Amino acid sequence: MAQITKHPTIECKKSIQAVHDAMYVLGGKWKISIVASLLFGPRRYSDMLRDVVGISGKMLSRELKEMETNLLVKRTVSDTLPIMVDL
């Protein structure tokens, strides 16, 4: 009995589409730098602002909100004084 396999062209198109999706989500000037900062573990907003040289606070906030919407980062608020927010 012959084994049914998926057509290689379809698999190639799916792989290319996955790359395009990743590029769309991680596109822009700052997202890769933000991800690189997070590779060292959970970071506070102020730590990330220092890590990502050249980014403004407004832009970091905007990028993090977009990344949270896309489920790339998780924002955790601690019940401490002062209040800590880890990403």
PDB file of N, CA and C in Angstrom:
ATOM      1  N   MET A   1       0.848  -1.176   0.000  1.00  0.00           N
ATOM      2  CA  MET A   1       0.000   0.000   0.000  1.00  0.00           C
ATOM      3  C   MET A   1       0.896   1.243   0.000  1.00  0.00           C
ATOM      4  N   ALA A   2       0.607   2.189  -0.831  1.00  0.00           N
ATOM      5  CA  ALA A   2       1.414   3.402  -0.951  1.00  0.00           C
ATOM      6  C   ALA A   2       1.137   4.339   0.218  1.00  0.00           C
ATOM      7  N   GLN A   3       2.209   4.962   0.684  1.00  0.00           N
ATOM      8  CA  GLN A   3       2.079   5.911   1.796  1.00  0.00           C
ATOM      9  C   GLN A   3       1.732   7.287   1.227  1.00  0.00           C
ATOM     10  N   ILE A   4       0.752   7.920   1.819  1.00  0.00           N
ATOM     11  CA  ILE A   4       0.340   9.252   1.363  1.00  0.00           C
ATOM     12  C   ILE A   4       1.196  10.285   2.079  1.00  0.00           C
ATOM     13  N   THR A   5       1.865  11.126   1.302  1.00  0.00           N
ATOM     14  CA  THR A   5       2.697  12.185   1.882  1.00  0.00           C
ATOM     15  C   THR A   5       2.206  13.523   1.373  1.00  0.00           C
ATOM     16  N   LYS A   6       2.483  14.546   2.133  1.00  0.00           N
ATOM     17  CA  LYS A   6       2.099  15.892   1.721  1.00  0.00           C
ATOM     18  C   LYS A   6       3.018  16.351   0.603  1.00  0.00           C
ATOM     19  N   HIS A   7       2.484  17.167  -0.233  1.00  0.00           N
ATOM     20  CA  HIS A   7       3.246  17.683  -1.371  1.00  0.00           C
ATOM     21  C   HIS A   7       4.334  18.636  -0.855  1.00  0.00           C
ATOM     22  N   PRO A   8       5.590  18.482  -1.322  1.00  0.00           N
ATOM     23  CA  PRO A   8       6.694  19.312  -0.829  1.00  0.00           C
ATOM     24  C   PRO A   8       6.456  20.812  -1.020  1.00  0.00           C
ATOM     25  N   THR A   9       5.779  21.191  -2.092  1.00  0.00           N
ATOM     26  CA  THR A   9       5.516  22.614  -2.338  1.00  0.00           C
ATOM     27  C   THR A   9       4.626  23.194  -1.253  1.00  0.00           C
ATOM     28  N   ILE A  10       3.654  22.441  -0.807  1.00  0.00           N
ATOM     29  CA  ILE A  10       2.754  22.916   0.246  1.00  0.00           C
ATOM     30  C   ILE A  10       3.526  23.095   1.553  1.00  0.00           C
ATOM     31  N   GLU A  11       4.389  22.134   1.887  1.00  0.00           N
ATOM     32  CA  GLU A  11       5.203  22.227   3.100  1.00  0.00           C
ATOM     33  C   GLU A  11       6.131  23.438   3.036  1.00  0.00           C
ATOM     34  N   CYS A  12       6.712  23.677   1.873  1.00  0.00           N
ATOM     35  CA  CYS A  12       7.614  24.822   1.689  1.00  0.00           C
ATOM     36  C   CYS A  12       6.850  26.128   1.895  1.00  0.00           C
ATOM     37  N   LYS A  13       5.673  26.220   1.317  1.00  0.00           N
ATOM     38  CA  LYS A  13       4.857  27.438   1.453  1.00  0.00           C
ATOM     39  C   LYS A  13       4.465  27.677   2.911  1.00  0.00           C
ATOM     40  N   LYS A  14       4.150  26.610   3.635  1.00  0.00           N
ATOM     41  CA  LYS A  14       3.805  26.743   5.052  1.00  0.00           C
ATOM     42  C   LYS A  14       5.000  27.244   5.859  1.00  0.00           C
ATOM     43  N   SER A  15       6.180  26.721   5.554  1.00  0.00           N
ATOM     44  CA  SER A  15       7.391  27.146   6.262  1.00  0.00           C
ATOM     45  C   SER A  15       7.699  28.611   5.978  1.00  0.00           C
ATOM     46  N   ILE A  16       7.571  29.002   4.732  1.00  0.00           N
ATOM     47  CA  ILE A  16       7.822  30.399   4.367  1.00  0.00           C
ATOM     48  C   ILE A  16       6.801  31.310   5.037  1.00  0.00           C
ATOM     49  N   GLN A  17       5.556  30.890   5.109  1.00  0.00           N
ATOM     50  CA  GLN A  17       4.528  31.694   5.764  1.00  0.00           C
ATOM     51  C   GLN A  17       4.829  31.848   7.254  1.00  0.00           C
ATOM     52  N   ALA A  18       5.332  30.800   7.875  1.00  0.00           N
ATOM     53  CA  ALA A  18       5.694  30.877   9.295  1.00  0.00           C
ATOM     54  C   ALA A  18       6.811  31.900   9.504  1.00  0.00           C
ATOM     55  N   VAL A  19       7.775  31.932   8.591  1.00  0.00           N
ATOM     56  CA  VAL A  19       8.859  32.920   8.682  1.00  0.00           C
ATOM     57  C   VAL A  19       8.304  34.326   8.509  1.00  0.00           C
ATOM     58  N   HIS A  20       7.402  34.510   7.568  1.00  0.00           N
ATOM     59  CA  HIS A  20       6.786  35.825   7.362  1.00  0.00           C
ATOM     60  C   HIS A  20       6.003  36.270   8.599  1.00  0.00           C
ATOM     61  N   ASP A  21       5.289  35.338   9.216  1.00  0.00           N
ATOM     62  CA  ASP A  21       4.535  35.665  10.434  1.00  0.00           C
ATOM     63  C   ASP A  21       5.472  36.107  11.551  1.00  0.00           C
ATOM     64  N   ALA A  22       6.572  35.388  11.723  1.00  0.00           N
ATOM     65  CA  ALA A  22       7.556  35.741  12.757  1.00  0.00           C
ATOM     66  C   ALA A  22       8.169  37.099  12.467  1.00  0.00           C
ATOM     67  N   MET A  23       8.491  37.371  11.211  1.00  0.00           N
ATOM     68  CA  MET A  23       9.074  38.667  10.847  1.00  0.00           C
ATOM     69  C   MET A  23       8.084  39.797  11.110  1.00  0.00           C
ATOM     70  N   TYR A  24       6.798  39.545  10.855  1.00  0.00           N
ATOM     71  CA  TYR A  24       5.776  40.560  11.106  1.00  0.00           C
ATOM     72  C   TYR A  24       5.679  40.887  12.594  1.00  0.00           C
ATOM     73  N   VAL A  25       5.660  39.847  13.424  1.00  0.00           N
ATOM     74  CA  VAL A  25       5.516  40.037  14.866  1.00  0.00           C
ATOM     75  C   VAL A  25       6.768  40.680  15.468  1.00  0.00           C
ATOM     76  N   LEU A  26       7.946  40.304  14.977  1.00  0.00           N
ATOM     77  CA  LEU A  26       9.199  40.812  15.526  1.00  0.00           C
ATOM     78  C   LEU A  26       9.772  41.982  14.724  1.00  0.00           C
ATOM     79  N   GLY A  27       9.003  42.472  13.777  1.00  0.00           N
ATOM     80  CA  GLY A  27       9.476  43.562  12.930  1.00  0.00           C
ATOM     81  C   GLY A  27       9.663  44.854  13.712  1.00  0.00           C
ATOM     82  N   GLY A  28      10.347  45.765  13.099  1.00  0.00           N
ATOM     83  CA  GLY A  28      10.591  47.051  13.733  1.00  0.00           C
ATOM     84  C   GLY A  28      12.015  47.151  14.245  1.00  0.00           C
ATOM     85  N   LYS A  29      12.339  48.325  14.684  1.00  0.00           N
ATOM     86  CA  LYS A  29      13.709  48.621  15.082  1.00  0.00           C
ATOM     87  C   LYS A  29      14.084  48.042  16.443  1.00  0.00           C
ATOM     88  N   TRP A  30      13.139  47.917  17.366  1.00  0.00           N
ATOM     89  CA  TRP A  30      13.477  47.656  18.766  1.00  0.00           C
ATOM     90  C   TRP A  30      13.156  46.263  19.282  1.00  0.00           C
ATOM     91  N   LYS A  31      12.257  45.534  18.672  1.00  0.00           N
ATOM     92  CA  LYS A  31      11.765  44.284  19.271  1.00  0.00           C
ATOM     93  C   LYS A  31      12.865  43.246  19.489  1.00  0.00           C
ATOM     94  N   ILE A  32      13.766  43.101  18.544  1.00  0.00           N
ATOM     95  CA  ILE A  32      14.837  42.108  18.706  1.00  0.00           C
ATOM     96  C   ILE A  32      15.735  42.490  19.885  1.00  0.00           C
ATOM     97  N   SER A  33      16.020  43.781  20.057  1.00  0.00           N
ATOM     98  CA  SER A  33      16.831  44.231  21.195  1.00  0.00           C
ATOM     99  C   SER A  33      16.107  43.981  22.513  1.00  0.00           C
ATOM    100  N   ILE A  34      14.804  44.177  22.527  1.00  0.00           N
ATOM    101  CA  ILE A  34      14.014  43.924  23.734  1.00  0.00           C
ATOM    102  C   ILE A  34      14.042  42.436  24.066  1.00  0.00           C
ATOM    103  N   VAL A  35      13.859  41.590  23.069  1.00  0.00           N
ATOM    104  CA  VAL A  35      13.911  40.137  23.279  1.00  0.00           C
ATOM    105  C   VAL A  35      15.288  39.736  23.797  1.00  0.00           C
ATOM    106  N   ALA A  36      16.344  40.321  23.236  1.00  0.00           N
ATOM    107  CA  ALA A  36      17.705  40.013  23.681  1.00  0.00           C
ATOM    108  C   ALA A  36      17.887  40.374  25.150  1.00  0.00           C
ATOM    109  N   SER A  37      17.329  41.497  25.579  1.00  0.00           N
ATOM    110  CA  SER A  37      17.409  41.894  26.984  1.00  0.00           C
ATOM    111  C   SER A  37      16.698  40.876  27.877  1.00  0.00           C
ATOM    112  N   LEU A  38      15.565  40.370  27.402  1.00  0.00           N
ATOM    113  CA  LEU A  38      14.774  39.420  28.191  1.00  0.00           C
ATOM    114  C   LEU A  38      15.400  38.027  28.244  1.00  0.00           C
ATOM    115  N   LEU A  39      16.366  37.762  27.385  1.00  0.00           N
ATOM    116  CA  LEU A  39      17.045  36.461  27.425  1.00  0.00           C
ATOM    117  C   LEU A  39      17.809  36.259  28.728  1.00  0.00           C
ATOM    118  N   PHE A  40      18.104  37.342  29.430  1.00  0.00           N
ATOM    119  CA  PHE A  40      18.847  37.263  30.685  1.00  0.00           C
ATOM    120  C   PHE A  40      17.918  37.123  31.886  1.00  0.00           C
ATOM    121  N   GLY A  41      16.638  36.877  31.627  1.00  0.00           N
ATOM    122  CA  GLY A  41      15.682  36.655  32.707  1.00  0.00           C
ATOM    123  C   GLY A  41      14.695  37.801  32.820  1.00  0.00           C
ATOM    124  N   PRO A  42      13.774  37.684  33.767  1.00  0.00           N
ATOM    125  CA  PRO A  42      12.788  38.743  33.970  1.00  0.00           C
ATOM    126  C   PRO A  42      13.475  40.076  34.242  1.00  0.00           C
ATOM    127  N   ARG A  43      12.964  41.134  33.636  1.00  0.00           N
ATOM    128  CA  ARG A  43      13.567  42.452  33.761  1.00  0.00           C
ATOM    129  C   ARG A  43      12.501  43.446  34.177  1.00  0.00           C
ATOM    130  N   ARG A  44      12.914  44.437  34.944  1.00  0.00           N
ATOM    131  CA  ARG A  44      12.036  45.552  35.264  1.00  0.00           C
ATOM    132  C   ARG A  44      12.099  46.546  34.117  1.00  0.00           C
ATOM    133  N   TYR A  45      11.062  47.338  33.998  1.00  0.00           N
ATOM    134  CA  TYR A  45      10.970  48.320  32.922  1.00  0.00           C
ATOM    135  C   TYR A  45      12.199  49.231  32.900  1.00  0.00           C
ATOM    136  N   SER A  46      12.590  49.728  34.049  1.00  0.00           N
ATOM    137  CA  SER A  46      13.733  50.650  34.110  1.00  0.00           C
ATOM    138  C   SER A  46      15.035  49.958  33.700  1.00  0.00           C
ATOM    139  N   ASP A  47      15.165  48.664  34.026  1.00  0.00           N
ATOM    140  CA  ASP A  47      16.345  47.909  33.602  1.00  0.00           C
ATOM    141  C   ASP A  47      16.387  47.795  32.080  1.00  0.00           C
ATOM    142  N   MET A  48      15.232  47.518  31.491  1.00  0.00           N
ATOM    143  CA  MET A  48      15.172  47.391  30.040  1.00  0.00           C
ATOM    144  C   MET A  48      15.453  48.722  29.355  1.00  0.00           C
ATOM    145  N   LEU A  49      14.996  49.791  29.956  1.00  0.00           N
ATOM    146  CA  LEU A  49      15.246  51.117  29.397  1.00  0.00           C
ATOM    147  C   LEU A  49      16.750  51.406  29.352  1.00  0.00           C
ATOM    148  N   ARG A  50      17.471  50.927  30.357  1.00  0.00           N
ATOM    149  CA  ARG A  50      18.936  51.080  30.365  1.00  0.00           C
ATOM    150  C   ARG A  50      19.605  50.108  29.388  1.00  0.00           C
ATOM    151  N   ASP A  51      19.074  48.895  29.296  1.00  0.00           N
ATOM    152  CA  ASP A  51      19.670  47.865  28.440  1.00  0.00           C
ATOM    153  C   ASP A  51      19.592  48.216  26.953  1.00  0.00           C
ATOM    154  N   VAL A  52      18.433  48.675  26.522  1.00  0.00           N
ATOM    155  CA  VAL A  52      18.190  48.932  25.100  1.00  0.00           C
ATOM    156  C   VAL A  52      18.601  50.372  24.797  1.00  0.00           C
ATOM    157  N   VAL A  53      19.847  50.524  24.404  1.00  0.00           N
ATOM    158  CA  VAL A  53      20.437  51.848  24.198  1.00  0.00           C
ATOM    159  C   VAL A  53      19.733  52.571  23.050  1.00  0.00           C
ATOM    160  N   GLY A  54      19.297  53.790  23.323  1.00  0.00           N
ATOM    161  CA  GLY A  54      18.695  54.637  22.299  1.00  0.00           C
ATOM    162  C   GLY A  54      17.187  54.633  22.256  1.00  0.00           C
ATOM    163  N   ILE A  55      16.536  53.726  22.960  1.00  0.00           N
ATOM    164  CA  ILE A  55      15.077  53.680  22.933  1.00  0.00           C
ATOM    165  C   ILE A  55      14.516  54.661  23.960  1.00  0.00           C
ATOM    166  N   SER A  56      13.428  55.325  23.602  1.00  0.00           N
ATOM    167  CA  SER A  56      12.778  56.240  24.546  1.00  0.00           C
ATOM    168  C   SER A  56      11.808  55.451  25.415  1.00  0.00           C
ATOM    169  N   GLY A  57      11.436  56.019  26.542  1.00  0.00           N
ATOM    170  CA  GLY A  57      10.485  55.362  27.428  1.00  0.00           C
ATOM    171  C   GLY A  57       9.140  55.138  26.759  1.00  0.00           C
ATOM    172  N   LYS A  58       8.708  56.115  25.978  1.00  0.00           N
ATOM    173  CA  LYS A  58       7.429  56.004  25.282  1.00  0.00           C
ATOM    174  C   LYS A  58       7.463  54.854  24.272  1.00  0.00           C
ATOM    175  N   MET A  59       8.560  54.744  23.542  1.00  0.00           N
ATOM    176  CA  MET A  59       8.679  53.690  22.531  1.00  0.00           C
ATOM    177  C   MET A  59       8.794  52.312  23.190  1.00  0.00           C
ATOM    178  N   LEU A  60       9.547  52.204  24.289  1.00  0.00           N
ATOM    179  CA  LEU A  60       9.657  50.931  24.998  1.00  0.00           C
ATOM    180  C   LEU A  60       8.290  50.486  25.493  1.00  0.00           C
ATOM    181  N   SER A  61       7.538  51.409  26.058  1.00  0.00           N
ATOM    182  CA  SER A  61       6.203  51.092  26.552  1.00  0.00           C
ATOM    183  C   SER A  61       5.306  50.612  25.413  1.00  0.00           C
ATOM    184  N   ARG A  62       5.347  51.292  24.291  1.00  0.00           N
ATOM    185  CA  ARG A  62       4.523  50.932  23.135  1.00  0.00           C
ATOM    186  C   ARG A  62       4.908  49.539  22.613  1.00  0.00           C
ATOM    187  N   GLU A  63       6.213  49.289  22.497  1.00  0.00           N
ATOM    188  CA  GLU A  63       6.679  48.001  21.986  1.00  0.00           C
ATOM    189  C   GLU A  63       6.301  46.860  22.932  1.00  0.00           C
ATOM    190  N   LEU A  64       6.447  47.097  24.246  1.00  0.00           N
ATOM    191  CA  LEU A  64       6.109  46.058  25.223  1.00  0.00           C
ATOM    192  C   LEU A  64       4.612  45.752  25.214  1.00  0.00           C
ATOM    193  N   LYS A  65       3.782  46.773  25.069  1.00  0.00           N
ATOM    194  CA  LYS A  65       2.333  46.545  24.997  1.00  0.00           C
ATOM    195  C   LYS A  65       1.985  45.713  23.774  1.00  0.00           C
ATOM    196  N   GLU A  66       2.614  46.017  22.640  1.00  0.00           N
ATOM    197  CA  GLU A  66       2.363  45.254  21.424  1.00  0.00           C
ATOM    198  C   GLU A  66       2.849  43.819  21.573  1.00  0.00           C
ATOM    199  N   MET A  67       4.005  43.645  22.197  1.00  0.00           N
ATOM    200  CA  MET A  67       4.541  42.300  22.399  1.00  0.00           C
ATOM    201  C   MET A  67       3.676  41.505  23.378  1.00  0.00           C
ATOM    202  N   GLU A  68       3.106  42.175  24.358  1.00  0.00           N
ATOM    203  CA  GLU A  68       2.200  41.504  25.298  1.00  0.00           C
ATOM    204  C   GLU A  68       0.917  41.084  24.576  1.00  0.00           C
ATOM    205  N   THR A  69       0.415  41.915  23.699  1.00  0.00           N
ATOM    206  CA  THR A  69      -0.768  41.582  22.913  1.00  0.00           C
ATOM    207  C   THR A  69      -0.518  40.348  22.053  1.00  0.00           C
ATOM    208  N   ASN A  70       0.703  40.236  21.519  1.00  0.00           N
ATOM    209  CA  ASN A  70       1.072  39.089  20.681  1.00  0.00           C
ATOM    210  C   ASN A  70       1.572  37.899  21.502  1.00  0.00           C
ATOM    211  N   LEU A  71       1.437  37.979  22.828  1.00  0.00           N
ATOM    212  CA  LEU A  71       1.813  36.903  23.753  1.00  0.00           C
ATOM    213  C   LEU A  71       3.301  36.562  23.701  1.00  0.00           C
ATOM    214  N   LEU A  72       4.142  37.553  23.396  1.00  0.00           N
ATOM    215  CA  LEU A  72       5.586  37.347  23.394  1.00  0.00           C
ATOM    216  C   LEU A  72       6.200  37.629  24.758  1.00  0.00           C
ATOM    217  N   VAL A  73       5.549  38.483  25.536  1.00  0.00           N
ATOM    218  CA  VAL A  73       6.015  38.782  26.888  1.00  0.00           C
ATOM    219  C   VAL A  73       4.825  38.707  27.837  1.00  0.00           C
ATOM    220  N   LYS A  74       5.138  38.475  29.101  1.00  0.00           N
ATOM    221  CA  LYS A  74       4.110  38.449  30.139  1.00  0.00           C
ATOM    222  C   LYS A  74       4.490  39.478  31.189  1.00  0.00           C
ATOM    223  N   ARG A  75       3.556  40.321  31.521  1.00  0.00           N
ATOM    224  CA  ARG A  75       3.763  41.379  32.506  1.00  0.00           C
ATOM    225  C   ARG A  75       3.286  40.875  33.858  1.00  0.00           C
ATOM    226  N   THR A  76       4.164  40.945  34.870  1.00  0.00           N
ATOM    227  CA  THR A  76       3.831  40.477  36.210  1.00  0.00           C
ATOM    228  C   THR A  76       3.978  41.640  37.189  1.00  0.00           C
ATOM    229  N   VAL A  77       2.906  41.944  37.900  1.00  0.00           N
ATOM    230  CA  VAL A  77       2.918  43.021  38.887  1.00  0.00           C
ATOM    231  C   VAL A  77       3.013  42.390  40.271  1.00  0.00           C
ATOM    232  N   SER A  78       4.057  42.778  41.028  1.00  0.00           N
ATOM    233  CA  SER A  78       4.257  42.251  42.388  1.00  0.00           C
ATOM    234  C   SER A  78       3.604  43.169  43.385  1.00  0.00           C
ATOM    235  N   ASP A  79       3.061  42.584  44.447  1.00  0.00           N
ATOM    236  CA  ASP A  79       2.412  43.363  45.507  1.00  0.00           C
ATOM    237  C   ASP A  79       3.447  43.716  46.567  1.00  0.00           C
ATOM    238  N   THR A  80       4.361  44.597  46.210  1.00  0.00           N
ATOM    239  CA  THR A  80       5.427  45.019  47.114  1.00  0.00           C
ATOM    240  C   THR A  80       5.471  46.540  47.136  1.00  0.00           C
ATOM    241  N   LEU A  81       6.227  47.079  48.053  1.00  0.00           N
ATOM    242  CA  LEU A  81       6.467  48.517  48.088  1.00  0.00           C
ATOM    243  C   LEU A  81       7.948  48.757  47.839  1.00  0.00           C
ATOM    244  N   PRO A  82       8.342  49.475  46.853  1.00  0.00           N
ATOM    245  CA  PRO A  82       7.498  50.007  45.771  1.00  0.00           C
ATOM    246  C   PRO A  82       7.022  48.867  44.873  1.00  0.00           C
ATOM    247  N   ILE A  83       5.951  49.149  44.125  1.00  0.00           N
ATOM    248  CA  ILE A  83       5.379  48.153  43.225  1.00  0.00           C
ATOM    249  C   ILE A  83       6.407  47.800  42.152  1.00  0.00           C
ATOM    250  N   MET A  84       6.609  46.515  41.946  1.00  0.00           N
ATOM    251  CA  MET A  84       7.536  46.040  40.919  1.00  0.00           C
ATOM    252  C   MET A  84       6.762  45.430  39.775  1.00  0.00           C
ATOM    253  N   VAL A  85       7.180  45.743  38.553  1.00  0.00           N
ATOM    254  CA  VAL A  85       6.592  45.138  37.360  1.00  0.00           C
ATOM    255  C   VAL A  85       7.725  44.446  36.625  1.00  0.00           C
ATOM    256  N   ASP A  86       7.635  43.126  36.514  1.00  0.00           N
ATOM    257  CA  ASP A  86       8.621  42.340  35.781  1.00  0.00           C
ATOM    258  C   ASP A  86       8.029  41.948  34.438  1.00  0.00           C
ATOM    259  N   LEU A  87       8.900  41.789  33.471  1.00  0.00           N
ATOM    260  CA  LEU A  87       8.477  41.330  32.140  1.00  0.00           C
ATOM    261  C   LEU A  87       9.164  40.033  31.828  1.00  0.00           C
TER     262      LEU A  87
END
